[in-house]
Amino acid sequence: MKRVMLVVAYDGSACYGWQLQPGRRTVESELNQALSGLLKEEIQVTGASRTDSGVHALCNVAVFDTASRIPGEKFSYALNQRLPEDIRIQSSREVAPDFHPRHCDSRKTYEYRILNREFPLPTKRLYAYFTYTPLDVEKMKRAAEFLVGEHDFASFCSASSSASTTVRRIYELTVEKEGDEIIIRVCGNGFLYNMVRIIAGTLMEAGSGRRQPEEMAEILTAKNRCAAGPTAPACGLTLVRYEFL
């Protein structure tokens, strides 16, 4: 047996997230089906980041075990002939038999895109959250600064999370404006359930004037989901980088 790692890109619009769900189309179910058909083995992949329904990825990571003699680097070519067009393998390679993508030190970077203009653009409806409410990027930047570093992010975690600890480290959190788009980019050692989307929703409240940037410190101290802003819609979120340390 050998273990193979896949780097997977996908448009999450038509999937119910990464993780297997009975009777629903997910990225994991599509990968399992394609691999099992290719290898004539029962294959179940293990993903590094279990993205939510509607969330996109450029570089999620998955591993699987197989008795196949196909070289690790050839799986990307074979699988892309079998996968639907909204899921594509970017690279594949053999890794150590004990390598597990969720049990090693890593950095993940997500981007949340906001289309901030008078009217929506149909071509961006699946990849950016639209709001006509003017957002002050400088206020959003000031608010973001409070979240950098190691904190208890209980206020930025969905109440349904089963995480054993809500402490996480954010290495970088930036807010930039490119034309009509505002891009929130966050890099951390791991993220709680809905954490990035709650951060985005709260930063938008700061940008619209409904909160003061300084309130972010109080939200962290509260350790209460009700203290933070709304969970921003999934369509604006993309996993853009995954680094193993």
C-alpha atoms as a PDB file:
ATOM      1  CA  MET A   1       0.000   0.000   0.000  1.00  0.00           C
ATOM      2  CA  LYS A   2       1.097   3.552  -0.610  1.00  0.00           C
ATOM      3  CA  ARG A   3      -0.315   6.953   0.307  1.00  0.00           C
ATOM      4  CA  VAL A   4      -0.946   9.596  -2.342  1.00  0.00           C
ATOM      5  CA  MET A   5      -1.565  13.290  -1.771  1.00  0.00           C
ATOM      6  CA  LEU A   6      -3.813  15.333  -4.048  1.00  0.00           C
ATOM      7  CA  VAL A   7      -3.992  19.112  -4.339  1.00  0.00           C
ATOM      8  CA  VAL A   8      -7.593  19.829  -5.282  1.00  0.00           C
ATOM      9  CA  ALA A   9      -9.203  22.961  -6.758  1.00  0.00           C
ATOM     10  CA  TYR A  10     -12.969  23.302  -6.958  1.00  0.00           C
ATOM     11  CA  ASP A  11     -15.852  25.647  -7.509  1.00  0.00           C
ATOM     12  CA  GLY A  12     -18.029  24.923  -4.483  1.00  0.00           C
ATOM     13  CA  SER A  13     -21.212  26.487  -5.877  1.00  0.00           C
ATOM     14  CA  ALA A  14     -22.905  23.195  -6.751  1.00  0.00           C
ATOM     15  CA  CYS A  15     -21.542  21.128  -3.852  1.00  0.00           C
ATOM     16  CA  TYR A  16     -22.754  20.703  -0.287  1.00  0.00           C
ATOM     17  CA  GLY A  17     -19.243  21.331   0.984  1.00  0.00           C
ATOM     18  CA  TRP A  18     -16.288  18.984   1.218  1.00  0.00           C
ATOM     19  CA  GLN A  19     -17.434  16.361   3.694  1.00  0.00           C
ATOM     20  CA  LEU A  20     -19.522  13.311   2.855  1.00  0.00           C
ATOM     21  CA  GLN A  21     -23.259  13.763   3.373  1.00  0.00           C
ATOM     22  CA  PRO A  22     -25.803  11.019   2.617  1.00  0.00           C
ATOM     23  CA  GLY A  23     -27.634  11.671  -0.632  1.00  0.00           C
ATOM     24  CA  ARG A  24     -25.810  14.918  -1.357  1.00  0.00           C
ATOM     25  CA  ARG A  25     -23.097  15.856  -3.808  1.00  0.00           C
ATOM     26  CA  THR A  26     -19.867  16.850  -2.058  1.00  0.00           C
ATOM     27  CA  VAL A  27     -16.258  17.233  -3.161  1.00  0.00           C
ATOM     28  CA  GLU A  28     -15.255  14.212  -1.075  1.00  0.00           C
ATOM     29  CA  SER A  29     -17.961  12.008  -2.610  1.00  0.00           C
ATOM     30  CA  GLU A  30     -16.892  12.977  -6.148  1.00  0.00           C
ATOM     31  CA  LEU A  31     -13.251  12.170  -5.384  1.00  0.00           C
ATOM     32  CA  ASN A  32     -14.135   8.834  -3.789  1.00  0.00           C
ATOM     33  CA  GLN A  33     -16.275   7.872  -6.760  1.00  0.00           C
ATOM     34  CA  ALA A  34     -13.646   8.847  -9.336  1.00  0.00           C
ATOM     35  CA  LEU A  35     -10.812   7.084  -7.501  1.00  0.00           C
ATOM     36  CA  SER A  36     -12.817   3.933  -6.795  1.00  0.00           C
ATOM     37  CA  GLY A  37     -13.804   3.707 -10.457  1.00  0.00           C
ATOM     38  CA  LEU A  38     -10.240   4.280 -11.636  1.00  0.00           C
ATOM     39  CA  LEU A  39      -8.544   1.864  -9.243  1.00  0.00           C
ATOM     40  CA  LYS A  40     -11.293  -0.760  -8.825  1.00  0.00           C
ATOM     41  CA  GLU A  41     -10.759  -0.425  -5.068  1.00  0.00           C
ATOM     42  CA  GLU A  42     -12.961   1.104  -2.369  1.00  0.00           C
ATOM     43  CA  ILE A  43     -11.221   4.443  -1.857  1.00  0.00           C
ATOM     44  CA  GLN A  44     -12.001   7.043   0.788  1.00  0.00           C
ATOM     45  CA  VAL A  45     -10.007  10.248   0.810  1.00  0.00           C
ATOM     46  CA  THR A  46      -9.102  12.277   3.895  1.00  0.00           C
ATOM     47  CA  GLY A  47      -9.249  16.034   3.403  1.00  0.00           C
ATOM     48  CA  ALA A  48      -7.177  18.699   5.097  1.00  0.00           C
ATOM     49  CA  SER A  49      -9.877  21.386   5.187  1.00  0.00           C
ATOM     50  CA  ARG A  50     -13.578  20.511   5.336  1.00  0.00           C
ATOM     51  CA  THR A  51     -14.936  23.552   3.571  1.00  0.00           C
ATOM     52  CA  ASP A  52     -18.621  24.449   3.857  1.00  0.00           C
ATOM     53  CA  SER A  53     -21.321  24.338   1.212  1.00  0.00           C
ATOM     54  CA  GLY A  54     -20.679  26.996  -1.433  1.00  0.00           C
ATOM     55  CA  VAL A  55     -17.049  27.639  -0.428  1.00  0.00           C
ATOM     56  CA  HIS A  56     -14.358  27.412  -3.119  1.00  0.00           C
ATOM     57  CA  ALA A  57     -10.742  26.216  -3.052  1.00  0.00           C
ATOM     58  CA  LEU A  58      -7.641  26.562  -5.189  1.00  0.00           C
ATOM     59  CA  CYS A  59      -5.522  24.147  -3.196  1.00  0.00           C
ATOM     60  CA  ASN A  60      -7.289  21.904  -0.706  1.00  0.00           C
ATOM     61  CA  VAL A  61      -5.326  18.782   0.180  1.00  0.00           C
ATOM     62  CA  ALA A  62      -6.484  15.170   0.374  1.00  0.00           C
ATOM     63  CA  VAL A  63      -4.745  11.823   0.841  1.00  0.00           C
ATOM     64  CA  PHE A  64      -5.755   8.233   0.128  1.00  0.00           C
ATOM     65  CA  ASP A  65      -4.215   4.779   0.337  1.00  0.00           C
ATOM     66  CA  THR A  66      -4.026   2.403  -2.599  1.00  0.00           C
ATOM     67  CA  ALA A  67      -2.381  -0.814  -3.755  1.00  0.00           C
ATOM     68  CA  SER A  68      -2.166   0.588  -7.297  1.00  0.00           C
ATOM     69  CA  ARG A  69       1.158   0.700  -9.115  1.00  0.00           C
ATOM     70  CA  ILE A  70       0.250   3.995 -10.837  1.00  0.00           C
ATOM     71  CA  PRO A  71       2.999   6.525 -10.019  1.00  0.00           C
ATOM     72  CA  GLY A  72       1.817   9.174  -7.582  1.00  0.00           C
ATOM     73  CA  GLU A  73       2.385  12.059  -9.976  1.00  0.00           C
ATOM     74  CA  LYS A  74       0.181  10.437 -12.645  1.00  0.00           C
ATOM     75  CA  PHE A  75      -3.020  10.433 -10.589  1.00  0.00           C
ATOM     76  CA  SER A  76      -3.727  14.090 -11.392  1.00  0.00           C
ATOM     77  CA  TYR A  77      -3.922  13.307 -15.119  1.00  0.00           C
ATOM     78  CA  ALA A  78      -6.021  10.169 -14.710  1.00  0.00           C
ATOM     79  CA  LEU A  79      -8.478  11.714 -12.255  1.00  0.00           C
ATOM     80  CA  ASN A  80      -9.063  14.869 -14.280  1.00  0.00           C
ATOM     81  CA  GLN A  81     -10.436  12.662 -17.050  1.00  0.00           C
ATOM     82  CA  ARG A  82     -13.074  11.336 -14.642  1.00  0.00           C
ATOM     83  CA  LEU A  83     -13.974  14.257 -12.409  1.00  0.00           C
ATOM     84  CA  PRO A  84     -16.715  16.810 -13.177  1.00  0.00           C
ATOM     85  CA  GLU A  85     -15.519  20.116 -14.573  1.00  0.00           C
ATOM     86  CA  ASP A  86     -15.978  22.012 -11.305  1.00  0.00           C
ATOM     87  CA  ILE A  87     -13.359  19.821  -9.571  1.00  0.00           C
ATOM     88  CA  ARG A  88      -9.784  19.519 -10.832  1.00  0.00           C
ATOM     89  CA  ILE A  89      -6.611  18.000  -9.384  1.00  0.00           C
ATOM     90  CA  GLN A  90      -3.721  20.475  -9.519  1.00  0.00           C
ATOM     91  CA  SER A  91      -0.982  18.021  -8.551  1.00  0.00           C
ATOM     92  CA  SER A  92      -0.469  14.591  -7.018  1.00  0.00           C
ATOM     93  CA  ARG A  93       2.460  12.770  -5.453  1.00  0.00           C
ATOM     94  CA  GLU A  94       3.304   9.875  -3.185  1.00  0.00           C
ATOM     95  CA  VAL A  95       3.890  10.800   0.470  1.00  0.00           C
ATOM     96  CA  ALA A  96       5.023   8.961   3.586  1.00  0.00           C
ATOM     97  CA  PRO A  97       2.574   6.247   4.739  1.00  0.00           C
ATOM     98  CA  ASP A  98       1.971   8.067   8.038  1.00  0.00           C
ATOM     99  CA  PHE A  99       1.439  11.529   6.527  1.00  0.00           C
ATOM    100  CA  HIS A 100      -1.898  13.018   7.615  1.00  0.00           C
ATOM    101  CA  PRO A 101      -2.826  16.526   6.390  1.00  0.00           C
ATOM    102  CA  ARG A 102      -4.774  17.420   9.539  1.00  0.00           C
ATOM    103  CA  HIS A 103      -2.141  16.166  11.985  1.00  0.00           C
ATOM    104  CA  CYS A 104       0.821  18.309  10.979  1.00  0.00           C
ATOM    105  CA  ASP A 105       1.727  21.966  11.364  1.00  0.00           C
ATOM    106  CA  SER A 106       0.379  24.073   8.533  1.00  0.00           C
ATOM    107  CA  ARG A 107      -0.738  27.519   7.480  1.00  0.00           C
ATOM    108  CA  LYS A 108      -3.983  28.119   5.625  1.00  0.00           C
ATOM    109  CA  THR A 109      -4.826  31.303   3.772  1.00  0.00           C
ATOM    110  CA  TYR A 110      -8.388  32.232   2.883  1.00  0.00           C
ATOM    111  CA  GLU A 111      -9.701  35.156   0.862  1.00  0.00           C
ATOM    112  CA  TYR A 112     -13.143  36.652   1.314  1.00  0.00           C
ATOM    113  CA  ARG A 113     -14.258  38.839  -1.602  1.00  0.00           C
ATOM    114  CA  ILE A 114     -16.894  41.562  -1.338  1.00  0.00           C
ATOM    115  CA  LEU A 115     -18.335  43.279  -4.390  1.00  0.00           C
ATOM    116  CA  ASN A 116     -19.065  46.791  -3.111  1.00  0.00           C
ATOM    117  CA  ARG A 117     -20.869  48.850  -5.752  1.00  0.00           C
ATOM    118  CA  GLU A 118     -24.293  50.206  -6.611  1.00  0.00           C
ATOM    119  CA  PHE A 119     -25.480  47.168  -8.587  1.00  0.00           C
ATOM    120  CA  PRO A 120     -24.430  43.489  -8.616  1.00  0.00           C
ATOM    121  CA  LEU A 121     -22.509  41.881 -11.470  1.00  0.00           C
ATOM    122  CA  PRO A 122     -23.961  38.530 -12.580  1.00  0.00           C
ATOM    123  CA  THR A 123     -20.514  37.141 -13.464  1.00  0.00           C
ATOM    124  CA  LYS A 124     -19.339  37.579  -9.862  1.00  0.00           C
ATOM    125  CA  ARG A 125     -22.424  36.356  -8.044  1.00  0.00           C
ATOM    126  CA  LEU A 126     -20.885  32.947  -7.253  1.00  0.00           C
ATOM    127  CA  TYR A 127     -17.464  34.217  -6.149  1.00  0.00           C
ATOM    128  CA  ALA A 128     -18.051  37.433  -4.207  1.00  0.00           C
ATOM    129  CA  TYR A 129     -20.635  38.692  -1.733  1.00  0.00           C
ATOM    130  CA  PHE A 130     -22.455  41.755  -3.051  1.00  0.00           C
ATOM    131  CA  THR A 131     -23.427  44.733  -0.934  1.00  0.00           C
ATOM    132  CA  TYR A 132     -24.368  48.238  -2.077  1.00  0.00           C
ATOM    133  CA  THR A 133     -23.743  49.627   1.419  1.00  0.00           C
ATOM    134  CA  PRO A 134     -20.555  51.731   1.231  1.00  0.00           C
ATOM    135  CA  LEU A 135     -17.746  50.133   3.242  1.00  0.00           C
ATOM    136  CA  ASP A 136     -14.861  52.112   4.730  1.00  0.00           C
ATOM    137  CA  VAL A 137     -11.777  49.992   4.069  1.00  0.00           C
ATOM    138  CA  GLU A 138      -9.608  51.964   6.514  1.00  0.00           C
ATOM    139  CA  LYS A 139     -12.001  51.183   9.357  1.00  0.00           C
ATOM    140  CA  MET A 140     -12.017  47.525   8.332  1.00  0.00           C
ATOM    141  CA  LYS A 141      -8.216  47.498   8.400  1.00  0.00           C
ATOM    142  CA  ARG A 142      -8.123  48.992  11.898  1.00  0.00           C
ATOM    143  CA  ALA A 143     -10.639  46.433  13.123  1.00  0.00           C
ATOM    144  CA  ALA A 144      -8.661  43.572  11.557  1.00  0.00           C
ATOM    145  CA  GLU A 145      -5.512  44.515  13.487  1.00  0.00           C
ATOM    146  CA  PHE A 146      -7.122  43.454  16.780  1.00  0.00           C
ATOM    147  CA  LEU A 147      -7.447  39.862  15.576  1.00  0.00           C
ATOM    148  CA  VAL A 148      -3.823  39.235  14.594  1.00  0.00           C
ATOM    149  CA  GLY A 149      -1.943  36.945  16.989  1.00  0.00           C
ATOM    150  CA  GLU A 150      -3.048  34.099  19.252  1.00  0.00           C
ATOM    151  CA  HIS A 151      -6.488  34.560  20.786  1.00  0.00           C
ATOM    152  CA  ASP A 152      -9.499  32.657  21.992  1.00  0.00           C
ATOM    153  CA  PHE A 153     -11.828  33.004  18.988  1.00  0.00           C
ATOM    154  CA  ALA A 154     -14.927  31.592  20.698  1.00  0.00           C
ATOM    155  CA  SER A 155     -16.893  34.693  19.618  1.00  0.00           C
ATOM    156  CA  PHE A 156     -15.987  33.943  15.991  1.00  0.00           C
ATOM    157  CA  CYS A 157     -17.020  30.296  16.053  1.00  0.00           C
ATOM    158  CA  SER A 158     -20.363  28.774  15.100  1.00  0.00           C
ATOM    159  CA  ALA A 159     -22.306  27.517  18.096  1.00  0.00           C
ATOM    160  CA  SER A 160     -22.477  24.062  16.488  1.00  0.00           C
ATOM    161  CA  SER A 161     -18.695  23.612  16.495  1.00  0.00           C
ATOM    162  CA  SER A 162     -17.252  20.563  18.264  1.00  0.00           C
ATOM    163  CA  ALA A 163     -13.684  21.917  18.481  1.00  0.00           C
ATOM    164  CA  SER A 164     -11.787  20.892  21.619  1.00  0.00           C
ATOM    165  CA  THR A 165     -10.266  24.380  21.908  1.00  0.00           C
ATOM    166  CA  THR A 166     -11.204  27.734  20.402  1.00  0.00           C
ATOM    167  CA  VAL A 167      -7.688  29.172  20.619  1.00  0.00           C
ATOM    168  CA  ARG A 168      -6.159  29.870  17.213  1.00  0.00           C
ATOM    169  CA  ARG A 169      -3.310  31.978  15.830  1.00  0.00           C
ATOM    170  CA  ILE A 170      -3.769  34.429  12.974  1.00  0.00           C
ATOM    171  CA  TYR A 171      -0.466  35.307  11.345  1.00  0.00           C
ATOM    172  CA  GLU A 172      -1.818  37.914   8.970  1.00  0.00           C
ATOM    173  CA  LEU A 173      -5.167  39.605   8.322  1.00  0.00           C
ATOM    174  CA  THR A 174      -5.339  42.230   5.600  1.00  0.00           C
ATOM    175  CA  VAL A 175      -8.099  44.221   3.905  1.00  0.00           C
ATOM    176  CA  GLU A 176      -7.445  45.627   0.433  1.00  0.00           C
ATOM    177  CA  LYS A 177      -9.578  47.325  -2.205  1.00  0.00           C
ATOM    178  CA  GLU A 178      -9.172  46.417  -5.879  1.00  0.00           C
ATOM    179  CA  GLY A 179     -11.598  48.354  -8.046  1.00  0.00           C
ATOM    180  CA  ASP A 180     -15.104  47.490  -6.866  1.00  0.00           C
ATOM    181  CA  GLU A 181     -13.900  44.532  -4.799  1.00  0.00           C
ATOM    182  CA  ILE A 182     -12.767  44.450  -1.179  1.00  0.00           C
ATOM    183  CA  ILE A 183     -10.566  41.461  -0.378  1.00  0.00           C
ATOM    184  CA  ILE A 184     -10.152  40.188   3.162  1.00  0.00           C
ATOM    185  CA  ARG A 185      -7.141  37.853   3.325  1.00  0.00           C
ATOM    186  CA  VAL A 186      -6.486  35.839   6.473  1.00  0.00           C
ATOM    187  CA  CYS A 187      -3.638  33.429   7.189  1.00  0.00           C
ATOM    188  CA  GLY A 188      -3.667  31.224  10.282  1.00  0.00           C
ATOM    189  CA  ASN A 189      -2.656  27.908  11.784  1.00  0.00           C
ATOM    190  CA  GLY A 190      -6.237  26.681  11.636  1.00  0.00           C
ATOM    191  CA  PHE A 191      -9.782  27.979  11.667  1.00  0.00           C
ATOM    192  CA  LEU A 192     -12.905  27.192  13.645  1.00  0.00           C
ATOM    193  CA  TYR A 193     -16.247  26.358  12.048  1.00  0.00           C
ATOM    194  CA  ASN A 194     -17.405  29.473  10.109  1.00  0.00           C
ATOM    195  CA  MET A 195     -14.594  31.518  11.692  1.00  0.00           C
ATOM    196  CA  VAL A 196     -13.459  33.312   8.522  1.00  0.00           C
ATOM    197  CA  ARG A 197     -17.027  34.084   7.458  1.00  0.00           C
ATOM    198  CA  ILE A 198     -17.854  35.486  10.907  1.00  0.00           C
ATOM    199  CA  ILE A 199     -14.695  37.608  10.807  1.00  0.00           C
ATOM    200  CA  ALA A 200     -15.754  38.894   7.379  1.00  0.00           C
ATOM    201  CA  GLY A 201     -19.275  39.665   8.593  1.00  0.00           C
ATOM    202  CA  THR A 202     -17.935  41.536  11.614  1.00  0.00           C
ATOM    203  CA  LEU A 203     -15.385  43.515   9.580  1.00  0.00           C
ATOM    204  CA  MET A 204     -18.177  44.566   7.228  1.00  0.00           C
ATOM    205  CA  GLU A 205     -20.101  45.907  10.207  1.00  0.00           C
ATOM    206  CA  ALA A 206     -17.037  47.975  11.125  1.00  0.00           C
ATOM    207  CA  GLY A 207     -16.753  49.176   7.534  1.00  0.00           C
ATOM    208  CA  SER A 208     -20.392  50.242   7.389  1.00  0.00           C
ATOM    209  CA  GLY A 209     -20.185  52.162  10.671  1.00  0.00           C
ATOM    210  CA  ARG A 210     -22.429  49.816  12.654  1.00  0.00           C
ATOM    211  CA  ARG A 211     -19.459  49.056  14.905  1.00  0.00           C
ATOM    212  CA  GLN A 212     -16.329  50.899  15.905  1.00  0.00           C
ATOM    213  CA  PRO A 213     -13.043  49.131  15.049  1.00  0.00           C
ATOM    214  CA  GLU A 214     -12.053  49.151  18.730  1.00  0.00           C
ATOM    215  CA  GLU A 215     -15.018  46.919  19.568  1.00  0.00           C
ATOM    216  CA  MET A 216     -13.086  43.943  18.162  1.00  0.00           C
ATOM    217  CA  ALA A 217     -11.126  43.692  21.419  1.00  0.00           C
ATOM    218  CA  GLU A 218     -14.377  43.524  23.384  1.00  0.00           C
ATOM    219  CA  ILE A 219     -15.748  40.854  21.054  1.00  0.00           C
ATOM    220  CA  LEU A 220     -12.691  38.660  21.661  1.00  0.00           C
ATOM    221  CA  THR A 221     -12.958  39.136  25.424  1.00  0.00           C
ATOM    222  CA  ALA A 222     -16.657  38.207  25.427  1.00  0.00           C
ATOM    223  CA  LYS A 223     -16.005  34.663  24.107  1.00  0.00           C
ATOM    224  CA  ASN A 224     -19.628  34.624  23.009  1.00  0.00           C
ATOM    225  CA  ARG A 225     -20.878  34.077  19.458  1.00  0.00           C
ATOM    226  CA  CYS A 226     -23.629  36.667  20.005  1.00  0.00           C
ATOM    227  CA  ALA A 227     -21.007  39.388  20.500  1.00  0.00           C
ATOM    228  CA  ALA A 228     -19.683  39.169  16.909  1.00  0.00           C
ATOM    229  CA  GLY A 229     -21.321  40.062  13.618  1.00  0.00           C
ATOM    230  CA  PRO A 230     -23.254  37.856  11.186  1.00  0.00           C
ATOM    231  CA  THR A 231     -21.813  34.924   9.275  1.00  0.00           C
ATOM    232  CA  ALA A 232     -21.042  36.243   5.793  1.00  0.00           C
ATOM    233  CA  PRO A 233     -22.412  34.163   2.879  1.00  0.00           C
ATOM    234  CA  ALA A 234     -20.261  31.266   1.664  1.00  0.00           C
ATOM    235  CA  CYS A 235     -19.940  32.396  -1.963  1.00  0.00           C
ATOM    236  CA  GLY A 236     -17.262  34.990  -1.182  1.00  0.00           C
ATOM    237  CA  LEU A 237     -14.858  32.554   0.479  1.00  0.00           C
ATOM    238  CA  THR A 238     -11.976  30.719  -1.211  1.00  0.00           C
ATOM    239  CA  LEU A 239      -9.112  28.673   0.252  1.00  0.00           C
ATOM    240  CA  VAL A 240      -6.180  30.102  -1.703  1.00  0.00           C
ATOM    241  CA  ARG A 241      -3.060  28.659  -0.049  1.00  0.00           C
ATOM    242  CA  TYR A 242      -2.127  25.654   2.062  1.00  0.00           C
ATOM    243  CA  GLU A 243       1.408  25.415   3.428  1.00  0.00           C
ATOM    244  CA  PHE A 244       2.921  22.570   5.422  1.00  0.00           C
ATOM    245  CA  LEU A 245       5.562  23.800   7.879  1.00  0.00           C
END
